[in-house]
Amino acid sequence: MDTQVKGLQNKINFGRWIMIIVILFGELFLYTWCRVSYTETGFKISQEKEKQKVLKAYTDALSMENDRLLSPERIAYIATTRLNLIIPEPSQIIYMDM
């Protein structure tokens, strides 16, 4: 009977060690997964920041182009050269009373 008790205690101790090893490996895998996720997230954030810089530069360029296209000097130049418009004489201006 004493041998059976020792055998049972050995099995219990072996089971405890197996559980400890499983828990340690589980923690190791969890830690590794967290670090990999952290690194991937940091990489994605860096990529999105680069995209944001490119889009900001593109938006700035479009804004400058819009300002250039809407400038009064450019509109006056196109009106006089391409459309053959002239500035009206003061006698040609008609004022309407409201």
N, C-alpha and C. Protein backbone atom coordinates (compact mmCIF):
# COMPACT_ATOMS: atom_id res chain seq x y z
N MET A 1 0.82 -1.18 0.00
CA MET A 1 0.00 0.00 0.00
C MET A 1 0.87 1.26 0.00
N ASP A 2 1.98 1.16 0.68
CA ASP A 2 2.90 2.29 0.74
C ASP A 2 3.44 2.61 -0.66
N THR A 3 3.66 1.60 -1.47
CA THR A 3 4.14 1.79 -2.84
C THR A 3 3.06 2.44 -3.69
N GLN A 4 1.83 2.09 -3.44
CA GLN A 4 0.73 2.70 -4.21
C GLN A 4 0.61 4.20 -3.89
N VAL A 5 0.79 4.55 -2.63
CA VAL A 5 0.72 5.94 -2.22
C VAL A 5 1.87 6.73 -2.85
N LYS A 6 3.07 6.16 -2.85
CA LYS A 6 4.22 6.83 -3.46
C LYS A 6 4.02 6.96 -4.96
N GLY A 7 3.49 5.93 -5.57
CA GLY A 7 3.23 5.98 -7.02
C GLY A 7 2.20 7.06 -7.34
N LEU A 8 1.17 7.15 -6.51
CA LEU A 8 0.14 8.17 -6.71
C LEU A 8 0.72 9.56 -6.49
N GLN A 9 1.56 9.72 -5.48
CA GLN A 9 2.20 11.02 -5.23
C GLN A 9 3.14 11.40 -6.39
N ASN A 10 3.86 10.41 -6.93
CA ASN A 10 4.74 10.67 -8.07
C ASN A 10 3.93 11.13 -9.28
N LYS A 11 2.77 10.50 -9.52
CA LYS A 11 1.91 10.90 -10.64
C LYS A 11 1.37 12.31 -10.42
N ILE A 12 1.00 12.61 -9.18
CA ILE A 12 0.49 13.95 -8.88
C ILE A 12 1.60 14.99 -9.08
N ASN A 13 2.79 14.69 -8.57
CA ASN A 13 3.92 15.61 -8.76
C ASN A 13 4.26 15.77 -10.23
N PHE A 14 4.25 14.68 -10.99
CA PHE A 14 4.51 14.74 -12.43
C PHE A 14 3.44 15.59 -13.14
N GLY A 15 2.21 15.41 -12.74
CA GLY A 15 1.12 16.20 -13.30
C GLY A 15 1.28 17.68 -12.99
N ARG A 16 1.70 17.99 -11.79
CA ARG A 16 1.93 19.39 -11.42
C ARG A 16 3.03 20.01 -12.28
N TRP A 17 4.12 19.26 -12.47
CA TRP A 17 5.22 19.77 -13.29
C TRP A 17 4.78 19.97 -14.73
N ILE A 18 4.00 19.05 -15.23
CA ILE A 18 3.48 19.19 -16.60
C ILE A 18 2.61 20.45 -16.68
N MET A 19 1.75 20.69 -15.70
CA MET A 19 0.89 21.88 -15.70
C MET A 19 1.73 23.15 -15.64
N ILE A 20 2.78 23.14 -14.81
CA ILE A 20 3.66 24.31 -14.71
C ILE A 20 4.34 24.57 -16.05
N ILE A 21 4.83 23.52 -16.68
CA ILE A 21 5.50 23.67 -17.98
C ILE A 21 4.51 24.17 -19.04
N VAL A 22 3.29 23.62 -19.04
CA VAL A 22 2.27 24.07 -20.00
C VAL A 22 1.93 25.54 -19.78
N ILE A 23 1.81 25.94 -18.52
CA ILE A 23 1.50 27.34 -18.21
C ILE A 23 2.65 28.24 -18.66
N LEU A 24 3.89 27.84 -18.40
CA LEU A 24 5.05 28.63 -18.81
C LEU A 24 5.12 28.77 -20.33
N PHE A 25 4.91 27.67 -21.05
CA PHE A 25 4.91 27.75 -22.51
C PHE A 25 3.75 28.60 -23.02
N GLY A 26 2.60 28.49 -22.37
CA GLY A 26 1.46 29.33 -22.74
C GLY A 26 1.78 30.80 -22.56
N GLU A 27 2.39 31.14 -21.44
CA GLU A 27 2.79 32.53 -21.21
C GLU A 27 3.82 32.99 -22.22
N LEU A 28 4.75 32.11 -22.56
CA LEU A 28 5.77 32.44 -23.56
C LEU A 28 5.12 32.72 -24.92
N PHE A 29 4.20 31.86 -25.33
CA PHE A 29 3.52 32.09 -26.61
C PHE A 29 2.66 33.34 -26.57
N LEU A 30 2.00 33.60 -25.47
CA LEU A 30 1.19 34.80 -25.34
C LEU A 30 2.07 36.05 -25.41
N TYR A 31 3.19 36.03 -24.72
CA TYR A 31 4.12 37.16 -24.75
C TYR A 31 4.64 37.39 -26.17
N THR A 32 5.01 36.31 -26.84
CA THR A 32 5.53 36.41 -28.21
C THR A 32 4.46 36.96 -29.13
N TRP A 33 3.24 36.49 -29.02
CA TRP A 33 2.14 36.97 -29.84
C TRP A 33 1.89 38.46 -29.61
N CYS A 34 1.94 38.88 -28.34
CA CYS A 34 1.75 40.30 -28.02
C CYS A 34 2.85 41.15 -28.64
N ARG A 35 4.09 40.73 -28.55
CA ARG A 35 5.20 41.49 -29.11
C ARG A 35 5.10 41.57 -30.64
N VAL A 36 4.74 40.47 -31.28
CA VAL A 36 4.59 40.47 -32.73
C VAL A 36 3.45 41.41 -33.13
N SER A 37 2.34 41.36 -32.41
CA SER A 37 1.21 42.25 -32.70
C SER A 37 1.61 43.70 -32.49
N TYR A 38 2.35 43.97 -31.44
CA TYR A 38 2.83 45.32 -31.15
C TYR A 38 3.71 45.83 -32.28
N THR A 39 4.63 44.99 -32.75
CA THR A 39 5.53 45.37 -33.83
C THR A 39 4.76 45.60 -35.13
N GLU A 40 3.82 44.72 -35.44
CA GLU A 40 3.02 44.87 -36.66
C GLU A 40 2.19 46.15 -36.60
N THR A 41 1.62 46.44 -35.45
CA THR A 41 0.82 47.65 -35.30
C THR A 41 1.69 48.89 -35.47
N GLY A 42 2.88 48.88 -34.91
CA GLY A 42 3.80 50.00 -35.08
C GLY A 42 4.18 50.19 -36.54
N PHE A 43 4.39 49.09 -37.25
CA PHE A 43 4.72 49.15 -38.67
C PHE A 43 3.56 49.73 -39.47
N LYS A 44 2.34 49.29 -39.17
CA LYS A 44 1.16 49.81 -39.86
C LYS A 44 0.97 51.30 -39.58
N ILE A 45 1.21 51.71 -38.35
CA ILE A 45 1.09 53.14 -38.00
C ILE A 45 2.11 53.95 -38.80
N SER A 46 3.33 53.44 -38.92
CA SER A 46 4.36 54.14 -39.70
C SER A 46 3.95 54.26 -41.16
N GLN A 47 3.38 53.19 -41.72
CA GLN A 47 2.92 53.24 -43.11
C GLN A 47 1.81 54.27 -43.28
N GLU A 48 0.87 54.30 -42.35
CA GLU A 48 -0.24 55.24 -42.46
C GLU A 48 0.23 56.68 -42.29
N LYS A 49 1.24 56.90 -41.45
CA LYS A 49 1.80 58.25 -41.31
C LYS A 49 2.45 58.70 -42.62
N GLU A 50 3.14 57.79 -43.29
CA GLU A 50 3.74 58.12 -44.59
C GLU A 50 2.66 58.44 -45.61
N LYS A 51 1.59 57.65 -45.62
CA LYS A 51 0.47 57.93 -46.53
C LYS A 51 -0.13 59.30 -46.22
N GLN A 52 -0.24 59.61 -44.94
CA GLN A 52 -0.81 60.90 -44.55
C GLN A 52 0.08 62.04 -45.04
N LYS A 53 1.40 61.89 -44.94
CA LYS A 53 2.31 62.93 -45.44
C LYS A 53 2.13 63.13 -46.94
N VAL A 54 2.03 62.02 -47.68
CA VAL A 54 1.87 62.11 -49.13
C VAL A 54 0.55 62.80 -49.46
N LEU A 55 -0.53 62.40 -48.78
CA LEU A 55 -1.83 63.01 -49.04
C LEU A 55 -1.85 64.48 -48.65
N LYS A 56 -1.17 64.85 -47.58
CA LYS A 56 -1.10 66.25 -47.16
C LYS A 56 -0.38 67.07 -48.23
N ALA A 57 0.73 66.55 -48.75
CA ALA A 57 1.46 67.25 -49.81
C ALA A 57 0.59 67.39 -51.05
N TYR A 58 -0.15 66.33 -51.39
CA TYR A 58 -1.03 66.37 -52.55
C TYR A 58 -2.15 67.40 -52.34
N THR A 59 -2.71 67.44 -51.14
CA THR A 59 -3.76 68.42 -50.82
C THR A 59 -3.22 69.84 -50.91
N ASP A 60 -2.02 70.05 -50.40
CA ASP A 60 -1.40 71.38 -50.49
C ASP A 60 -1.17 71.79 -51.94
N ALA A 61 -0.71 70.84 -52.74
CA ALA A 61 -0.46 71.13 -54.16
C ALA A 61 -1.78 71.47 -54.87
N LEU A 62 -2.83 70.73 -54.56
CA LEU A 62 -4.14 71.01 -55.16
C LEU A 62 -4.67 72.37 -54.72
N SER A 63 -4.45 72.72 -53.49
CA SER A 63 -4.90 74.01 -52.98
C SER A 63 -4.17 75.15 -53.70
N MET A 64 -2.86 74.99 -53.87
CA MET A 64 -2.09 76.01 -54.59
C MET A 64 -2.55 76.10 -56.04
N GLU A 65 -2.80 74.98 -56.67
CA GLU A 65 -3.28 74.98 -58.06
C GLU A 65 -4.65 75.66 -58.15
N ASN A 66 -5.51 75.39 -57.20
CA ASN A 66 -6.83 76.03 -57.16
C ASN A 66 -6.69 77.54 -57.01
N ASP A 67 -5.83 77.98 -56.11
CA ASP A 67 -5.60 79.41 -55.93
C ASP A 67 -5.06 80.05 -57.22
N ARG A 68 -4.16 79.34 -57.88
CA ARG A 68 -3.59 79.86 -59.12
C ARG A 68 -4.67 79.97 -60.20
N LEU A 69 -5.51 78.95 -60.31
CA LEU A 69 -6.55 78.97 -61.35
C LEU A 69 -7.61 80.03 -61.10
N LEU A 70 -7.85 80.35 -59.84
CA LEU A 70 -8.90 81.32 -59.52
C LEU A 70 -8.36 82.74 -59.34
N SER A 71 -7.09 82.97 -59.62
CA SER A 71 -6.53 84.31 -59.41
C SER A 71 -7.16 85.30 -60.39
N PRO A 72 -7.46 86.50 -59.91
CA PRO A 72 -8.09 87.51 -60.78
C PRO A 72 -7.21 87.88 -61.98
N GLU A 73 -5.90 87.89 -61.80
CA GLU A 73 -5.01 88.22 -62.91
C GLU A 73 -5.14 87.21 -64.04
N ARG A 74 -5.19 85.94 -63.68
CA ARG A 74 -5.31 84.88 -64.69
C ARG A 74 -6.65 84.98 -65.39
N ILE A 75 -7.72 85.20 -64.65
CA ILE A 75 -9.05 85.31 -65.25
C ILE A 75 -9.10 86.51 -66.19
N ALA A 76 -8.52 87.64 -65.77
CA ALA A 76 -8.50 88.83 -66.64
C ALA A 76 -7.68 88.56 -67.90
N TYR A 77 -6.56 87.85 -67.76
CA TYR A 77 -5.73 87.53 -68.91
C TYR A 77 -6.49 86.66 -69.90
N ILE A 78 -7.15 85.62 -69.42
CA ILE A 78 -7.92 84.74 -70.29
C ILE A 78 -9.07 85.50 -70.94
N ALA A 79 -9.72 86.36 -70.19
CA ALA A 79 -10.85 87.11 -70.73
C ALA A 79 -10.41 88.03 -71.86
N THR A 80 -9.26 88.64 -71.72
CA THR A 80 -8.82 89.58 -72.75
C THR A 80 -8.15 88.90 -73.94
N THR A 81 -7.40 87.82 -73.70
CA THR A 81 -6.66 87.19 -74.80
C THR A 81 -7.48 86.12 -75.53
N ARG A 82 -8.11 85.25 -74.82
CA ARG A 82 -8.82 84.14 -75.46
C ARG A 82 -10.26 84.50 -75.83
N LEU A 83 -10.90 85.25 -74.98
CA LEU A 83 -12.32 85.57 -75.21
C LEU A 83 -12.53 86.94 -75.86
N ASN A 84 -11.47 87.66 -76.05
CA ASN A 84 -11.52 88.98 -76.67
C ASN A 84 -12.49 89.93 -75.97
N LEU A 85 -12.52 89.87 -74.68
CA LEU A 85 -13.34 90.78 -73.89
C LEU A 85 -12.53 92.02 -73.56
N ILE A 86 -13.21 93.13 -73.39
CA ILE A 86 -12.52 94.37 -73.02
C ILE A 86 -13.20 94.96 -71.80
N ILE A 87 -12.49 95.81 -71.13
CA ILE A 87 -13.06 96.49 -69.96
C ILE A 87 -14.03 97.54 -70.49
N PRO A 88 -15.27 97.58 -70.00
CA PRO A 88 -16.26 98.52 -70.54
C PRO A 88 -15.90 99.96 -70.18
N GLU A 89 -16.27 100.84 -71.07
CA GLU A 89 -16.10 102.28 -70.83
C GLU A 89 -17.13 102.70 -69.78
N PRO A 90 -16.85 103.76 -69.05
CA PRO A 90 -17.82 104.22 -68.05
C PRO A 90 -19.19 104.52 -68.66
N SER A 91 -19.23 104.93 -69.88
CA SER A 91 -20.53 105.23 -70.52
C SER A 91 -21.30 103.96 -70.84
N GLN A 92 -20.64 102.83 -70.91
CA GLN A 92 -21.30 101.57 -71.23
C GLN A 92 -21.89 100.89 -69.99
N ILE A 93 -21.55 101.35 -68.82
CA ILE A 93 -22.03 100.75 -67.58
C ILE A 93 -23.43 101.27 -67.28
N ILE A 94 -24.33 100.38 -67.02
CA ILE A 94 -25.71 100.76 -66.70
C ILE A 94 -25.95 100.38 -65.24
N TYR A 95 -26.39 101.35 -64.47
CA TYR A 95 -26.69 101.12 -63.06
C TYR A 95 -28.20 100.95 -62.91
N MET A 96 -28.60 99.98 -62.15
CA MET A 96 -30.03 99.74 -61.93
C MET A 96 -30.40 100.13 -60.52
N ASP A 97 -31.50 100.82 -60.39
CA ASP A 97 -32.00 101.18 -59.07
C ASP A 97 -32.80 100.02 -58.50
N MET A 98 -32.67 99.84 -57.27
CA MET A 98 -33.42 98.76 -56.64
C MET A 98 -34.41 99.30 -55.67
